[in-house]
Protein backbone atom coordinates (compact mmCIF):
# COMPACT_ATOMS: atom_id res chain seq x y z
CA UNK A 1 70.08 87.01 93.59
CA UNK A 2 70.18 83.58 91.92
CA UNK A 3 68.56 80.94 94.13
CA UNK A 4 66.89 83.42 96.46
CA UNK A 5 63.19 83.44 97.19
CA UNK A 6 61.96 86.78 95.86
CA UNK A 7 59.33 88.63 97.86
CA UNK A 8 59.56 92.11 96.37
CA UNK A 9 57.84 94.48 98.80
CA UNK A 10 57.83 97.43 96.38
CA UNK A 11 58.69 100.89 97.71
CA UNK A 12 61.84 100.98 95.58
CA UNK A 13 64.13 104.00 95.79
CA UNK A 14 66.90 105.26 93.52
CA UNK A 15 70.51 105.22 94.68
CA UNK A 16 72.59 108.39 94.95
CA UNK A 17 75.65 106.89 93.26
CA UNK A 18 79.19 106.61 94.52
CA UNK A 19 81.26 103.74 95.94
CA UNK A 20 79.51 100.37 95.94
CA UNK A 21 78.91 99.11 99.48
CA UNK A 22 77.44 96.24 101.46
CA UNK A 23 76.19 96.48 105.05
CA UNK A 24 76.26 93.45 107.36
CA UNK A 25 73.52 93.07 109.99
CA UNK A 26 72.21 90.37 112.31
CA UNK A 27 68.53 90.16 113.18
CA UNK A 28 69.29 90.09 116.95
CA UNK A 29 65.62 89.43 117.66
CA UNK A 30 66.19 87.90 121.11
CA UNK A 31 68.54 88.80 123.96
CA UNK A 32 70.32 85.72 125.28
CA UNK A 33 73.54 84.97 127.13
CA UNK A 34 75.95 82.12 127.72
CA UNK A 35 74.11 81.37 130.96
CA UNK A 36 70.68 81.73 129.37
CA UNK A 37 70.72 80.75 125.66
CA UNK A 38 67.53 80.94 123.62
CA UNK A 39 66.18 79.01 120.63
CA UNK A 40 66.78 80.63 117.26
CA UNK A 41 63.72 82.46 115.96
CA UNK A 42 62.25 80.58 112.96
CA UNK A 43 63.37 81.82 109.57
CA UNK A 44 59.75 82.00 108.40
CA UNK A 45 58.88 84.45 111.17
CA UNK A 46 61.55 86.92 110.07
CA UNK A 47 60.75 86.41 106.40
CA UNK A 48 57.10 87.22 107.04
CA UNK A 49 58.00 90.16 109.28
CA UNK A 50 59.95 91.88 106.52
CA UNK A 51 57.57 90.93 103.70
CA UNK A 52 54.14 91.26 105.33
CA UNK A 53 54.27 93.22 108.58
CA UNK A 54 53.89 97.01 108.03
CA UNK A 55 56.52 97.74 110.68
CA UNK A 56 58.89 95.16 109.22
CA UNK A 57 58.54 96.61 105.73
CA UNK A 58 59.79 99.94 107.06
CA UNK A 59 63.14 98.41 108.10
CA UNK A 60 63.52 95.69 105.48
CA UNK A 61 66.96 94.81 104.05
CA UNK A 62 67.73 93.53 100.58
CA UNK A 63 68.46 90.04 101.86
CA UNK A 64 67.48 87.81 104.79
CA UNK A 65 70.05 85.01 105.06
CA UNK A 66 69.75 81.90 107.22
CA UNK A 67 73.35 80.77 107.88
CA UNK A 68 72.15 77.45 109.33
CA UNK A 69 70.29 76.26 106.22
CA UNK A 70 71.50 78.55 103.44
CA UNK A 71 68.01 79.88 102.74
CA UNK A 72 67.88 83.39 101.30
CA UNK A 73 64.96 85.74 100.72
CA UNK A 74 65.24 88.99 98.74
CA UNK A 75 62.93 91.95 99.38
CA UNK A 76 64.45 94.69 97.17
CA UNK A 77 66.43 94.69 93.90
CA UNK A 78 70.13 95.29 94.45
CA UNK A 79 70.02 98.66 92.69
CA UNK A 80 67.20 99.97 94.91
CA UNK A 81 67.81 101.35 98.36
CA UNK A 82 66.58 99.19 101.20
CA UNK A 83 65.66 100.41 104.68
CA UNK A 84 67.70 98.68 107.41
CA UNK A 85 70.08 101.57 108.13
CA UNK A 86 69.15 104.51 110.31
CA UNK A 87 68.96 107.62 108.11
CA UNK A 88 68.74 110.98 109.88
CA UNK A 89 67.21 113.98 108.15
CA UNK A 90 69.83 116.31 106.72
CA UNK A 91 72.70 113.82 106.94
CA UNK A 92 74.16 111.32 104.52
CA UNK A 93 71.40 109.24 102.97
CA UNK A 94 72.84 106.02 104.39
CA UNK A 95 70.52 103.64 102.59
CA UNK A 96 71.29 105.29 99.23
CA UNK A 97 74.95 106.32 99.60
CA UNK A 98 76.48 104.37 96.71
CA UNK A 99 75.82 102.83 93.33
CA UNK A 100 74.51 100.06 95.59
CA UNK A 101 74.29 99.67 99.37
CA UNK A 102 73.36 95.99 99.59
CA UNK A 103 72.12 95.14 103.07
CA UNK A 104 72.27 91.62 104.45
CA UNK A 105 70.40 90.55 107.60
CA UNK A 106 71.79 87.28 108.92
CA UNK A 107 69.28 85.29 110.97
CA UNK A 108 71.26 85.23 114.20
CA UNK A 109 71.61 86.53 117.74
CA UNK A 110 74.43 85.82 120.20
CA UNK A 111 73.96 82.61 122.18
CA UNK A 112 71.18 81.27 120.01
CA UNK A 113 70.52 77.54 120.23
CA UNK A 114 70.07 75.33 117.15
CA UNK A 115 69.77 71.53 117.33
CA UNK A 116 71.12 71.47 120.87
CA UNK A 117 74.19 73.61 120.16
CA UNK A 118 74.67 77.20 121.31
CA UNK A 119 76.39 79.70 119.01
CA UNK A 120 78.04 82.79 120.49
CA UNK A 121 79.18 84.26 117.15
CA UNK A 122 77.76 84.29 113.65
CA UNK A 123 81.13 83.09 112.32
CA UNK A 124 80.72 79.91 114.41
CA UNK A 125 77.56 78.88 112.53
CA UNK A 126 77.70 76.62 109.43
CA UNK A 127 77.49 79.80 107.27
CA UNK A 128 75.68 77.82 104.58
CA UNK A 129 75.09 79.84 101.42
CA UNK A 130 77.78 82.39 102.23
CA UNK A 131 79.96 81.74 99.13
CA UNK A 132 76.97 82.29 96.84
CA UNK A 133 75.88 85.39 98.75
CA UNK A 134 79.38 86.86 98.71
CA UNK A 135 79.70 86.23 94.97
CA UNK A 136 76.41 87.95 94.24
CA UNK A 137 77.29 91.03 96.28
CA UNK A 138 80.72 91.12 94.61
CA UNK A 139 79.09 91.02 91.17
CA UNK A 140 77.60 94.46 91.97
CA UNK A 141 81.04 96.00 92.35
CA UNK A 142 81.53 95.59 96.10
CA UNK A 143 85.13 94.57 96.89
CA UNK A 144 85.72 91.61 99.21
CA UNK A 145 87.14 93.85 101.92
CA UNK A 146 86.03 95.46 105.18
CA UNK A 147 86.58 99.20 104.99
CA UNK A 148 86.75 99.63 108.78
CA UNK A 149 88.20 96.18 109.46
CA UNK A 150 86.36 92.89 109.86
CA UNK A 151 83.75 92.85 112.65
CA UNK A 152 85.31 91.60 115.88
CA UNK A 153 83.22 92.05 118.99
CA UNK A 154 80.22 94.28 119.31
CA UNK A 155 81.72 97.72 118.81
CA UNK A 156 81.52 100.69 116.47
CA UNK A 157 84.19 102.42 114.38
CA UNK A 158 82.23 105.01 112.47
CA UNK A 159 83.97 107.30 109.99
CA UNK A 160 81.97 109.64 107.78
CA UNK A 161 84.90 110.21 105.34
CA UNK A 162 85.42 106.45 104.93
CA UNK A 163 81.72 105.88 104.38
CA UNK A 164 81.43 108.61 101.75
CA UNK A 165 84.58 107.67 99.85
CA UNK A 166 85.37 103.96 100.19
CA UNK A 167 83.82 100.96 98.50
CA UNK A 168 83.54 97.66 100.38
CA UNK A 169 81.79 95.96 103.28
CA UNK A 170 80.72 97.77 106.45
CA UNK A 171 79.43 96.38 109.72
CA UNK A 172 76.12 97.92 110.75
CA UNK A 173 77.94 99.40 113.73
CA UNK A 174 80.42 101.17 111.43
CA UNK A 175 77.83 103.15 109.44
CA UNK A 176 77.42 106.87 110.27
CA UNK A 177 74.21 107.90 112.07
CA UNK A 178 73.63 104.34 113.30
CA UNK A 179 73.81 103.43 116.98
CA UNK A 180 73.92 99.64 116.63
CA UNK A 181 77.00 97.51 117.32
CA UNK A 182 76.17 94.41 115.26
CA UNK A 183 77.04 92.04 113.66
CA UNK A 184 79.86 91.17 116.08
CA UNK A 185 81.45 88.75 113.61
CA UNK A 186 81.01 87.65 110.00
CA UNK A 187 82.30 84.72 107.94
CA UNK A 188 85.63 85.16 106.17
CA UNK A 189 85.61 86.00 102.49
CA UNK A 190 85.93 83.01 100.19
CA UNK A 191 88.91 83.39 97.85
CA UNK A 192 90.46 86.66 96.74
CA UNK A 193 87.89 87.74 94.19
CA UNK A 194 88.22 90.60 91.71
CA UNK A 195 86.02 93.57 91.02
CA UNK A 196 83.66 92.95 88.09
CA UNK A 197 85.13 93.82 84.71
CA UNK A 198 82.32 96.23 83.85
CA UNK A 199 80.65 98.90 85.95
CA UNK A 200 77.28 97.61 87.26
CA UNK A 201 74.27 99.66 86.18
CA UNK A 202 73.94 102.26 88.97
CA UNK A 203 70.22 102.79 88.48
CA UNK A 204 68.43 105.47 86.45
CA UNK A 205 68.26 107.74 89.50
CA UNK A 206 72.06 108.03 89.53
CA UNK A 207 71.86 110.04 86.30
CA UNK A 208 68.99 112.32 87.32
CA UNK A 209 68.19 115.20 89.65
CA UNK A 210 64.45 114.97 90.01
CA UNK A 211 63.05 114.85 86.49
CA UNK A 212 66.12 116.48 84.88
CA UNK A 213 69.63 115.24 84.08
CA UNK A 214 71.95 115.60 87.07
CA UNK A 215 74.11 118.25 85.38
CA UNK A 216 77.18 119.14 87.42
CA UNK A 217 77.24 115.84 89.32
CA UNK A 218 80.75 114.43 89.49
CA UNK A 219 81.71 110.76 89.28
CA UNK A 220 84.48 108.72 87.62
CA UNK A 221 81.66 106.65 86.15
CA UNK A 222 80.84 109.55 83.81
CA UNK A 223 84.42 109.68 82.53
CA UNK A 224 84.47 105.94 81.89
CA UNK A 225 81.05 106.11 80.24
CA UNK A 226 82.12 108.98 77.98
CA UNK A 227 85.27 107.19 76.85
CA UNK A 228 83.22 104.16 75.86
CA UNK A 229 80.73 106.36 74.00
CA UNK A 230 83.61 107.83 72.02
CA UNK A 231 84.97 104.33 71.36
CA UNK A 232 81.66 103.12 69.89
CA UNK A 233 81.36 106.16 67.63
CA UNK A 234 78.74 108.05 69.61
CA UNK A 235 80.87 110.76 71.22
CA UNK A 236 79.46 114.26 70.90
CA UNK A 237 82.20 115.94 72.92
CA UNK A 238 84.13 119.10 72.06
CA UNK A 239 86.01 118.79 75.37
CA UNK A 240 86.33 115.70 77.49
CA UNK A 241 84.77 113.38 78.44
CA UNK A 242 85.30 114.13 82.12
CA UNK A 243 83.85 113.33 85.55
CA UNK A 244 81.25 116.12 85.64
CA UNK A 245 77.97 115.34 83.87
CA UNK A 246 77.15 117.75 81.04
CA UNK A 247 74.97 118.11 77.98
CA UNK A 248 77.57 116.38 75.78
CA UNK A 249 77.23 113.24 77.93
CA UNK A 250 73.47 113.28 77.44
CA UNK A 251 73.75 113.86 73.70
CA UNK A 252 76.35 111.10 73.37
CA UNK A 253 74.36 108.54 75.33
CA UNK A 254 71.17 109.30 73.43
CA UNK A 255 73.16 108.72 70.22
CA UNK A 256 74.21 105.34 71.63
CA UNK A 257 70.61 104.44 72.47
CA UNK A 258 69.57 105.26 68.92
CA UNK A 259 72.46 103.13 67.63
CA UNK A 260 71.07 100.28 69.76
CA UNK A 261 67.76 100.60 67.91
CA UNK A 262 65.72 102.67 70.34
CA UNK A 263 63.53 105.52 69.13
CA UNK A 264 61.36 108.24 70.62
CA UNK A 265 61.13 108.44 74.40
CA UNK A 266 62.98 105.11 74.72
CA UNK A 267 66.08 106.74 73.24
CA UNK A 268 66.07 109.65 75.68
CA UNK A 269 68.16 110.16 78.81
CA UNK A 270 68.62 108.56 81.35
CA UNK A 271 70.51 105.37 80.48
CA UNK A 272 68.73 102.06 80.95
CA UNK A 273 70.14 98.71 82.09
CA UNK A 274 70.10 97.10 78.63
CA UNK A 275 72.07 99.77 76.77
CA UNK A 276 74.36 100.20 79.79
CA UNK A 277 75.21 96.51 79.73
CA UNK A 278 75.89 96.65 75.98
CA UNK A 279 78.15 99.68 76.38
CA UNK A 280 80.53 97.72 78.67
CA UNK A 281 81.73 100.63 80.78
CA UNK A 282 84.93 99.51 82.58
CA UNK A 283 84.60 99.12 86.34
CA UNK A 284 85.88 102.13 88.25
């Protein structure tokens, strides 16, 4: 993210593909109340927890955001999974369930005290840096919309079908398999915004099943990709293109990589971010 401090902790993981999502969290690192407020935990402590502490690295988000100062620290690339969502064995892979699942941890807990003022809700804070953060998330194909409704109070509205099929923002409490109820509130979106013109690169893992092409996988991204490959003169299709990945998609994309000047192993499947950007696949 432009302007963010980057403390890449490694341990990257490929995304599974699908609707682009963002998940909103608060750090909630102290329990306070209106009768007994508590000082906000220093930003540096949370930054170091996620970047240096072995336990913190196991639950790190993409972004730690301080809404009081606008400071932002990034621990994972947007197109890698992060680790802040609970992910049960055998269920939906929550941290990977999209072309991106960008996770934001806002430095906040209810009734925190900053400079002599107590804040009951995240939305009551200055929310410094939110427009820039929203714009960056939006640039990865995440619509400026709450799939389950904007967070209002600490409650959960989980829906597995919505999660698997709908792109947009989700409260932590609205994600399947998770038992949290945060963030309670979130700042309003700034302006209407539009989806990016071109489909963001979904990561090499989106196109693979282990070390082989993900033949049979279905996504509208493959249809849009194939149409662009035909348009640039690299189509190798007898039928299609269509949503289910097949050998013709692989042959066509490898032809495109050769047209871009790549040779040998560099011209082989899967797609890479440079040739994907040049192909200008329309956003789906």
